[in-house]
Amino acid sequence: NAAKLYQTIHNNRGLGNVNLNLGLVYSNMGDFT
């Protein structure tokens, strides 16, 4: 949901950070793909 908002204002730093956080979550869950 944060990513959707960052997208509306073209905030690349926010988009980078939130996707990095998603990567962390999926890594912790063992979903490496």
PDB file of all heavy atoms in Angstrom:
ATOM      1  N   ASN A   1       0.831  -1.207   0.000  1.00  0.00           N
ATOM      2  CA  ASN A   1       0.000   0.000   0.000  1.00  0.00           C
ATOM      3  C   ASN A   1       0.864   1.256   0.000  1.00  0.00           C
ATOM      4  O   ASN A   1       0.524   2.257  -0.650  1.00  0.00           O
ATOM      5  CB  ASN A   1      -0.939  -0.001   1.208  1.00  0.00           C
ATOM      6  CG  ASN A   1      -2.085  -0.988   1.044  1.00  0.00           C
ATOM      7  OD1 ASN A   1      -2.463  -1.338  -0.081  1.00  0.00           O
ATOM      8  ND2 ASN A   1      -2.644  -1.442   2.148  1.00  0.00           N
ATOM      9  N   ALA A   2       1.979   1.210   0.719  1.00  0.00           N
ATOM     10  CA  ALA A   2       2.913   2.338   0.692  1.00  0.00           C
ATOM     11  C   ALA A   2       3.465   2.533  -0.717  1.00  0.00           C
ATOM     12  O   ALA A   2       3.582   3.666  -1.201  1.00  0.00           O
ATOM     13  CB  ALA A   2       4.052   2.105   1.682  1.00  0.00           C
ATOM     14  N   ALA A   3       3.789   1.424  -1.385  1.00  0.00           N
ATOM     15  CA  ALA A   3       4.339   1.503  -2.739  1.00  0.00           C
ATOM     16  C   ALA A   3       3.352   2.177  -3.695  1.00  0.00           C
ATOM     17  O   ALA A   3       3.753   2.975  -4.556  1.00  0.00           O
ATOM     18  CB  ALA A   3       4.695   0.105  -3.236  1.00  0.00           C
ATOM     19  N   LYS A   4       2.075   1.874  -3.541  1.00  0.00           N
ATOM     20  CA  LYS A   4       1.062   2.497  -4.409  1.00  0.00           C
ATOM     21  C   LYS A   4       1.055   4.014  -4.236  1.00  0.00           C
ATOM     22  O   LYS A   4       0.929   4.754  -5.216  1.00  0.00           O
ATOM     23  CB  LYS A   4      -0.316   1.922  -4.084  1.00  0.00           C
ATOM     24  CG  LYS A   4      -0.508   0.461  -4.492  1.00  0.00           C
ATOM     25  CD  LYS A   4      -1.867  -0.047  -4.040  1.00  0.00           C
ATOM     26  CE  LYS A   4      -2.035  -1.528  -4.364  1.00  0.00           C
ATOM     27  NZ  LYS A   4      -3.336  -2.060  -3.854  1.00  0.00           N
ATOM     28  N   LEU A   5       1.192   4.460  -2.990  1.00  0.00           N
ATOM     29  CA  LEU A   5       1.208   5.900  -2.744  1.00  0.00           C
ATOM     30  C   LEU A   5       2.485   6.547  -3.270  1.00  0.00           C
ATOM     31  O   LEU A   5       2.442   7.616  -3.888  1.00  0.00           O
ATOM     32  CB  LEU A   5       1.046   6.169  -1.247  1.00  0.00           C
ATOM     33  CG  LEU A   5      -0.322   5.846  -0.640  1.00  0.00           C
ATOM     34  CD1 LEU A   5      -0.329   6.114   0.854  1.00  0.00           C
ATOM     35  CD2 LEU A   5      -1.425   6.649  -1.323  1.00  0.00           C
ATOM     36  N   TYR A   6       3.622   5.910  -3.018  1.00  0.00           N
ATOM     37  CA  TYR A   6       4.883   6.454  -3.542  1.00  0.00           C
ATOM     38  C   TYR A   6       4.832   6.557  -5.067  1.00  0.00           C
ATOM     39  O   TYR A   6       5.396   7.483  -5.647  1.00  0.00           O
ATOM     40  CB  TYR A   6       6.061   5.564  -3.133  1.00  0.00           C
ATOM     41  CG  TYR A   6       6.497   5.702  -1.693  1.00  0.00           C
ATOM     42  CD1 TYR A   6       6.677   4.571  -0.895  1.00  0.00           C
ATOM     43  CD2 TYR A   6       6.775   6.946  -1.132  1.00  0.00           C
ATOM     44  CE1 TYR A   6       7.101   4.675   0.430  1.00  0.00           C
ATOM     45  CE2 TYR A   6       7.191   7.071   0.185  1.00  0.00           C
ATOM     46  CZ  TYR A   6       7.353   5.922   0.958  1.00  0.00           C
ATOM     47  OH  TYR A   6       7.773   6.038   2.259  1.00  0.00           O
ATOM     48  N   GLN A   7       4.160   5.580  -5.697  1.00  0.00           N
ATOM     49  CA  GLN A   7       4.079   5.564  -7.151  1.00  0.00           C
ATOM     50  C   GLN A   7       3.317   6.787  -7.666  1.00  0.00           C
ATOM     51  O   GLN A   7       3.684   7.373  -8.690  1.00  0.00           O
ATOM     52  CB  GLN A   7       3.378   4.282  -7.616  1.00  0.00           C
ATOM     53  CG  GLN A   7       3.421   4.058  -9.124  1.00  0.00           C
ATOM     54  CD  GLN A   7       4.815   3.694  -9.620  1.00  0.00           C
ATOM     55  OE1 GLN A   7       5.415   2.732  -9.158  1.00  0.00           O
ATOM     56  NE2 GLN A   7       5.325   4.468 -10.562  1.00  0.00           N
ATOM     57  N   THR A   8       2.277   7.198  -6.944  1.00  0.00           N
ATOM     58  CA  THR A   8       1.468   8.330  -7.407  1.00  0.00           C
ATOM     59  C   THR A   8       2.237   9.642  -7.401  1.00  0.00           C
ATOM     60  O   THR A   8       1.883  10.567  -8.139  1.00  0.00           O
ATOM     61  CB  THR A   8       0.199   8.497  -6.536  1.00  0.00           C
ATOM     62  OG1 THR A   8       0.577   8.838  -5.199  1.00  0.00           O
ATOM     63  CG2 THR A   8      -0.641   7.223  -6.540  1.00  0.00           C
ATOM     64  N   ILE A   9       3.269   9.728  -6.579  1.00  0.00           N
ATOM     65  CA  ILE A   9       4.054  10.965  -6.508  1.00  0.00           C
ATOM     66  C   ILE A   9       5.459  10.767  -7.086  1.00  0.00           C
ATOM     67  O   ILE A   9       6.323  11.624  -6.935  1.00  0.00           O
ATOM     68  CB  ILE A   9       4.144  11.507  -5.067  1.00  0.00           C
ATOM     69  CG1 ILE A   9       4.729  10.463  -4.111  1.00  0.00           C
ATOM     70  CG2 ILE A   9       2.764  11.968  -4.589  1.00  0.00           C
ATOM     71  CD1 ILE A   9       4.959  10.991  -2.689  1.00  0.00           C
ATOM     72  N   HIS A  10       5.670   9.612  -7.719  1.00  0.00           N
ATOM     73  CA  HIS A  10       6.946   9.314  -8.388  1.00  0.00           C
ATOM     74  C   HIS A  10       8.131   9.476  -7.441  1.00  0.00           C
ATOM     75  O   HIS A  10       9.164  10.064  -7.806  1.00  0.00           O
ATOM     76  CB  HIS A  10       7.123  10.208  -9.620  1.00  0.00           C
ATOM     77  CG  HIS A  10       5.940  10.203 -10.551  1.00  0.00           C
ATOM     78  ND1 HIS A  10       5.624   9.101 -11.318  1.00  0.00           N
ATOM     79  CD2 HIS A  10       4.979  11.133 -10.795  1.00  0.00           C
ATOM     80  CE1 HIS A  10       4.529   9.353 -12.029  1.00  0.00           C
ATOM     81  NE2 HIS A  10       4.117  10.577 -11.716  1.00  0.00           N
ATOM     82  N   ASN A  11       7.968   8.950  -6.234  1.00  0.00           N
ATOM     83  CA  ASN A  11       9.018   9.034  -5.216  1.00  0.00           C
ATOM     84  C   ASN A  11       9.908   7.799  -5.323  1.00  0.00           C
ATOM     85  O   ASN A  11       9.629   6.755  -4.724  1.00  0.00           O
ATOM     86  CB  ASN A  11       8.384   9.133  -3.826  1.00  0.00           C
ATOM     87  CG  ASN A  11       9.399   9.408  -2.733  1.00  0.00           C
ATOM     88  OD1 ASN A  11      10.506   8.884  -2.754  1.00  0.00           O
ATOM     89  ND2 ASN A  11       9.021  10.226  -1.763  1.00  0.00           N
ATOM     90  N   ASN A  12      10.985   7.912  -6.100  1.00  0.00           N
ATOM     91  CA  ASN A  12      11.837   6.750  -6.360  1.00  0.00           C
ATOM     92  C   ASN A  12      12.558   6.255  -5.106  1.00  0.00           C
ATOM     93  O   ASN A  12      12.770   5.054  -4.938  1.00  0.00           O
ATOM     94  CB  ASN A  12      12.856   7.078  -7.448  1.00  0.00           C
ATOM     95  CG  ASN A  12      12.239   7.075  -8.835  1.00  0.00           C
ATOM     96  OD1 ASN A  12      11.040   6.832  -8.988  1.00  0.00           O
ATOM     97  ND2 ASN A  12      13.034   7.345  -9.851  1.00  0.00           N
ATOM     98  N   ARG A  13      12.924   7.186  -4.233  1.00  0.00           N
ATOM     99  CA  ARG A  13      13.595   6.754  -3.002  1.00  0.00           C
ATOM    100  C   ARG A  13      12.632   5.922  -2.147  1.00  0.00           C
ATOM    101  O   ARG A  13      13.001   4.862  -1.640  1.00  0.00           O
ATOM    102  CB  ARG A  13      14.088   7.977  -2.222  1.00  0.00           C
ATOM    103  CG  ARG A  13      14.752   7.647  -0.873  1.00  0.00           C
ATOM    104  CD  ARG A  13      16.014   6.817  -1.067  1.00  0.00           C
ATOM    105  NE  ARG A  13      16.653   6.532   0.203  1.00  0.00           N
ATOM    106  CZ  ARG A  13      17.669   7.243   0.721  1.00  0.00           C
ATOM    107  NH1 ARG A  13      18.132   8.299   0.066  1.00  0.00           N
ATOM    108  NH2 ARG A  13      18.217   6.915   1.859  1.00  0.00           N
ATOM    109  N   GLY A  14      11.413   6.398  -2.006  1.00  0.00           N
ATOM    110  CA  GLY A  14      10.419   5.638  -1.253  1.00  0.00           C
ATOM    111  C   GLY A  14      10.120   4.296  -1.895  1.00  0.00           C
ATOM    112  O   GLY A  14      10.005   3.278  -1.207  1.00  0.00           O
ATOM    113  N   LEU A  15      10.006   4.280  -3.216  1.00  0.00           N
ATOM    114  CA  LEU A  15       9.736   3.031  -3.929  1.00  0.00           C
ATOM    115  C   LEU A  15      10.892   2.049  -3.772  1.00  0.00           C
ATOM    116  O   LEU A  15      10.685   0.853  -3.606  1.00  0.00           O
ATOM    117  CB  LEU A  15       9.477   3.320  -5.410  1.00  0.00           C
ATOM    118  CG  LEU A  15       8.098   3.910  -5.725  1.00  0.00           C
ATOM    119  CD1 LEU A  15       8.076   4.521  -7.123  1.00  0.00           C
ATOM    120  CD2 LEU A  15       7.018   2.842  -5.590  1.00  0.00           C
ATOM    121  N   GLY A  16      12.109   2.566  -3.822  1.00  0.00           N
ATOM    122  CA  GLY A  16      13.259   1.696  -3.614  1.00  0.00           C
ATOM    123  C   GLY A  16      13.255   1.096  -2.222  1.00  0.00           C
ATOM    124  O   GLY A  16      13.433  -0.115  -2.040  1.00  0.00           O
ATOM    125  N   ASN A  17      12.992   1.952  -1.223  1.00  0.00           N
ATOM    126  CA  ASN A  17      13.019   1.481   0.161  1.00  0.00           C
ATOM    127  C   ASN A  17      11.944   0.439   0.438  1.00  0.00           C
ATOM    128  O   ASN A  17      12.193  -0.572   1.095  1.00  0.00           O
ATOM    129  CB  ASN A  17      12.828   2.670   1.111  1.00  0.00           C
ATOM    130  CG  ASN A  17      14.014   3.616   1.101  1.00  0.00           C
ATOM    131  OD1 ASN A  17      15.082   3.287   0.592  1.00  0.00           O
ATOM    132  ND2 ASN A  17      13.820   4.802   1.647  1.00  0.00           N
ATOM    133  N   VAL A  18      10.734   0.700  -0.051  1.00  0.00           N
ATOM    134  CA  VAL A  18       9.632  -0.207   0.260  1.00  0.00           C
ATOM    135  C   VAL A  18       9.809  -1.552  -0.455  1.00  0.00           C
ATOM    136  O   VAL A  18       9.461  -2.605   0.083  1.00  0.00           O
ATOM    137  CB  VAL A  18       8.276   0.457  -0.066  1.00  0.00           C
ATOM    138  CG1 VAL A  18       7.942   0.400  -1.544  1.00  0.00           C
ATOM    139  CG2 VAL A  18       7.158  -0.136   0.766  1.00  0.00           C
ATOM    140  N   ASN A  19      10.366  -1.530  -1.662  1.00  0.00           N
ATOM    141  CA  ASN A  19      10.630  -2.795  -2.355  1.00  0.00           C
ATOM    142  C   ASN A  19      11.782  -3.551  -1.706  1.00  0.00           C
ATOM    143  O   ASN A  19      11.772  -4.788  -1.665  1.00  0.00           O
ATOM    144  CB  ASN A  19      10.896  -2.537  -3.840  1.00  0.00           C
ATOM    145  CG  ASN A  19       9.614  -2.348  -4.618  1.00  0.00           C
ATOM    146  OD1 ASN A  19       8.881  -3.302  -4.867  1.00  0.00           O
ATOM    147  ND2 ASN A  19       9.321  -1.115  -4.993  1.00  0.00           N
ATOM    148  N   LEU A  20      12.760  -2.814  -1.185  1.00  0.00           N
ATOM    149  CA  LEU A  20      13.835  -3.455  -0.429  1.00  0.00           C
ATOM    150  C   LEU A  20      13.266  -4.151   0.807  1.00  0.00           C
ATOM    151  O   LEU A  20      13.656  -5.275   1.150  1.00  0.00           O
ATOM    152  CB  LEU A  20      14.870  -2.410  -0.016  1.00  0.00           C
ATOM    153  CG  LEU A  20      16.201  -2.948   0.518  1.00  0.00           C
ATOM    154  CD1 LEU A  20      17.009  -3.596  -0.593  1.00  0.00           C
ATOM    155  CD2 LEU A  20      17.011  -1.813   1.143  1.00  0.00           C
ATOM    156  N   ASN A  21      12.316  -3.482   1.469  1.00  0.00           N
ATOM    157  CA  ASN A  21      11.678  -4.073   2.639  1.00  0.00           C
ATOM    158  C   ASN A  21      10.871  -5.315   2.278  1.00  0.00           C
ATOM    159  O   ASN A  21      10.861  -6.306   3.021  1.00  0.00           O
ATOM    160  CB  ASN A  21      10.771  -3.035   3.316  1.00  0.00           C
ATOM    161  CG  ASN A  21      11.564  -1.902   3.946  1.00  0.00           C
ATOM    162  OD1 ASN A  21      12.739  -2.059   4.265  1.00  0.00           O
ATOM    163  ND2 ASN A  21      10.934  -0.759   4.114  1.00  0.00           N
ATOM    164  N   LEU A  22      10.194  -5.275   1.140  1.00  0.00           N
ATOM    165  CA  LEU A  22       9.453  -6.456   0.678  1.00  0.00           C
ATOM    166  C   LEU A  22      10.413  -7.611   0.404  1.00  0.00           C
ATOM    167  O   LEU A  22      10.112  -8.774   0.703  1.00  0.00           O
ATOM    168  CB  LEU A  22       8.651  -6.116  -0.581  1.00  0.00           C
ATOM    169  CG  LEU A  22       7.336  -5.369  -0.338  1.00  0.00           C
ATOM    170  CD1 LEU A  22       6.829  -4.745  -1.638  1.00  0.00           C
ATOM    171  CD2 LEU A  22       6.288  -6.307   0.247  1.00  0.00           C
ATOM    172  N   GLY A  23      11.572  -7.286  -0.155  1.00  0.00           N
ATOM    173  CA  GLY A  23      12.576  -8.325  -0.387  1.00  0.00           C
ATOM    174  C   GLY A  23      13.017  -8.974   0.904  1.00  0.00           C
ATOM    175  O   GLY A  23      13.199 -10.199   0.978  1.00  0.00           O
ATOM    176  N   LEU A  24      13.168  -8.173   1.942  1.00  0.00           N
ATOM    177  CA  LEU A  24      13.551  -8.694   3.252  1.00  0.00           C
ATOM    178  C   LEU A  24      12.484  -9.630   3.799  1.00  0.00           C
ATOM    179  O   LEU A  24      12.789 -10.704   4.324  1.00  0.00           O
ATOM    180  CB  LEU A  24      13.779  -7.537   4.233  1.00  0.00           C
ATOM    181  CG  LEU A  24      13.938  -7.924   5.705  1.00  0.00           C
ATOM    182  CD1 LEU A  24      15.211  -8.731   5.909  1.00  0.00           C
ATOM    183  CD2 LEU A  24      13.953  -6.681   6.596  1.00  0.00           C
ATOM    184  N   VAL A  25      11.225  -9.217   3.689  1.00  0.00           N
ATOM    185  CA  VAL A  25      10.122 -10.034   4.204  1.00  0.00           C
ATOM    186  C   VAL A  25      10.094 -11.396   3.505  1.00  0.00           C
ATOM    187  O   VAL A  25      10.030 -12.446   4.158  1.00  0.00           O
ATOM    188  CB  VAL A  25       8.771  -9.323   4.010  1.00  0.00           C
ATOM    189  CG1 VAL A  25       7.621 -10.260   4.356  1.00  0.00           C
ATOM    190  CG2 VAL A  25       8.692  -8.083   4.880  1.00  0.00           C
ATOM    191  N   TYR A  26      10.146 -11.367   2.182  1.00  0.00           N
ATOM    192  CA  TYR A  26      10.063 -12.631   1.442  1.00  0.00           C
ATOM    193  C   TYR A  26      11.292 -13.505   1.694  1.00  0.00           C
ATOM    194  O   TYR A  26      11.182 -14.736   1.735  1.00  0.00           O
ATOM    195  CB  TYR A  26       9.884 -12.371  -0.051  1.00  0.00           C
ATOM    196  CG  TYR A  26       8.462 -11.999  -0.407  1.00  0.00           C
ATOM    197  CD1 TYR A  26       8.128 -10.717  -0.819  1.00  0.00           C
ATOM    198  CD2 TYR A  26       7.435 -12.940  -0.308  1.00  0.00           C
ATOM    199  CE1 TYR A  26       6.819 -10.370  -1.127  1.00  0.00           C
ATOM    200  CE2 TYR A  26       6.126 -12.612  -0.624  1.00  0.00           C
ATOM    201  CZ  TYR A  26       5.825 -11.334  -1.028  1.00  0.00           C
ATOM    202  OH  TYR A  26       4.519 -11.000  -1.330  1.00  0.00           O
ATOM    203  N   SER A  27      12.435 -12.893   1.902  1.00  0.00           N
ATOM    204  CA  SER A  27      13.625 -13.664   2.255  1.00  0.00           C
ATOM    205  C   SER A  27      13.448 -14.343   3.602  1.00  0.00           C
ATOM    206  O   SER A  27      13.763 -15.523   3.773  1.00  0.00           O
ATOM    207  CB  SER A  27      14.858 -12.755   2.275  1.00  0.00           C
ATOM    208  OG  SER A  27      16.022 -13.475   2.605  1.00  0.00           O
ATOM    209  N   ASN A  28      12.906 -13.591   4.574  1.00  0.00           N
ATOM    210  CA  ASN A  28      12.659 -14.178   5.890  1.00  0.00           C
ATOM    211  C   ASN A  28      11.637 -15.304   5.828  1.00  0.00           C
ATOM    212  O   ASN A  28      11.678 -16.249   6.622  1.00  0.00           O
ATOM    213  CB  ASN A  28      12.176 -13.096   6.860  1.00  0.00           C
ATOM    214  CG  ASN A  28      13.275 -12.141   7.272  1.00  0.00           C
ATOM    215  OD1 ASN A  28      14.451 -12.384   7.009  1.00  0.00           O
ATOM    216  ND2 ASN A  28      12.909 -11.044   7.910  1.00  0.00           N
ATOM    217  N   MET A  29      10.713 -15.214   4.880  1.00  0.00           N
ATOM    218  CA  MET A  29       9.691 -16.242   4.718  1.00  0.00           C
ATOM    219  C   MET A  29      10.205 -17.450   3.935  1.00  0.00           C
ATOM    220  O   MET A  29       9.520 -18.471   3.836  1.00  0.00           O
ATOM    221  CB  MET A  29       8.472 -15.651   4.008  1.00  0.00           C
ATOM    222  CG  MET A  29       7.729 -14.598   4.820  1.00  0.00           C
ATOM    223  SD  MET A  29       6.439 -13.743   3.863  1.00  0.00           S
ATOM    224  CE  MET A  29       5.294 -15.108   3.556  1.00  0.00           C
ATOM    225  N   GLY A  30      11.400 -17.323   3.366  1.00  0.00           N
ATOM    226  CA  GLY A  30      11.963 -18.418   2.579  1.00  0.00           C
ATOM    227  C   GLY A  30      11.498 -18.442   1.138  1.00  0.00           C
ATOM    228  O   GLY A  30      11.765 -19.411   0.412  1.00  0.00           O
ATOM    229  N   ASP A  31      10.814 -17.392   0.690  1.00  0.00           N
ATOM    230  CA  ASP A  31      10.369 -17.290  -0.703  1.00  0.00           C
ATOM    231  C   ASP A  31      11.437 -16.503  -1.457  1.00  0.00           C
ATOM    232  O   ASP A  31      11.315 -15.296  -1.665  1.00  0.00           O
ATOM    233  CB  ASP A  31       9.013 -16.599  -0.781  1.00  0.00           C
ATOM    234  CG  ASP A  31       8.400 -16.651  -2.178  1.00  0.00           C
ATOM    235  OD1 ASP A  31       9.156 -16.859  -3.151  1.00  0.00           O
ATOM    236  OD2 ASP A  31       7.173 -16.476  -2.298  1.00  0.00           O
ATOM    237  N   PHE A  32      12.476 -17.219  -1.887  1.00  0.00           N
ATOM    238  CA  PHE A  32      13.641 -16.540  -2.441  1.00  0.00           C
ATOM    239  C   PHE A  32      13.392 -15.945  -3.826  1.00  0.00           C
ATOM    240  O   PHE A  32      14.012 -14.955  -4.192  1.00  0.00           O
ATOM    241  CB  PHE A  32      14.821 -17.502  -2.470  1.00  0.00           C
ATOM    242  CG  PHE A  32      15.207 -18.006  -1.097  1.00  0.00           C
ATOM    243  CD1 PHE A  32      15.286 -19.362  -0.836  1.00  0.00           C
ATOM    244  CD2 PHE A  32      15.452 -17.114  -0.070  1.00  0.00           C
ATOM    245  CE1 PHE A  32      15.629 -19.828   0.431  1.00  0.00           C
ATOM    246  CE2 PHE A  32      15.792 -17.560   1.196  1.00  0.00           C
ATOM    247  CZ  PHE A  32      15.878 -18.924   1.442  1.00  0.00           C
ATOM    248  N   THR A  33      12.483 -16.556  -4.590  1.00  0.00           N
ATOM    249  CA  THR A  33      12.158 -16.001  -5.907  1.00  0.00           C
ATOM    250  C   THR A  33      11.568 -14.606  -5.773  1.00  0.00           C
ATOM    251  O   THR A  33      11.971 -13.657  -6.465  1.00  0.00           O
ATOM    252  CB  THR A  33      11.169 -16.913  -6.642  1.00  0.00           C
ATOM    253  OG1 THR A  33      11.762 -18.206  -6.828  1.00  0.00           O
ATOM    254  CG2 THR A  33      10.809 -16.334  -8.008  1.00  0.00           C
TER     255      THR A  33
END
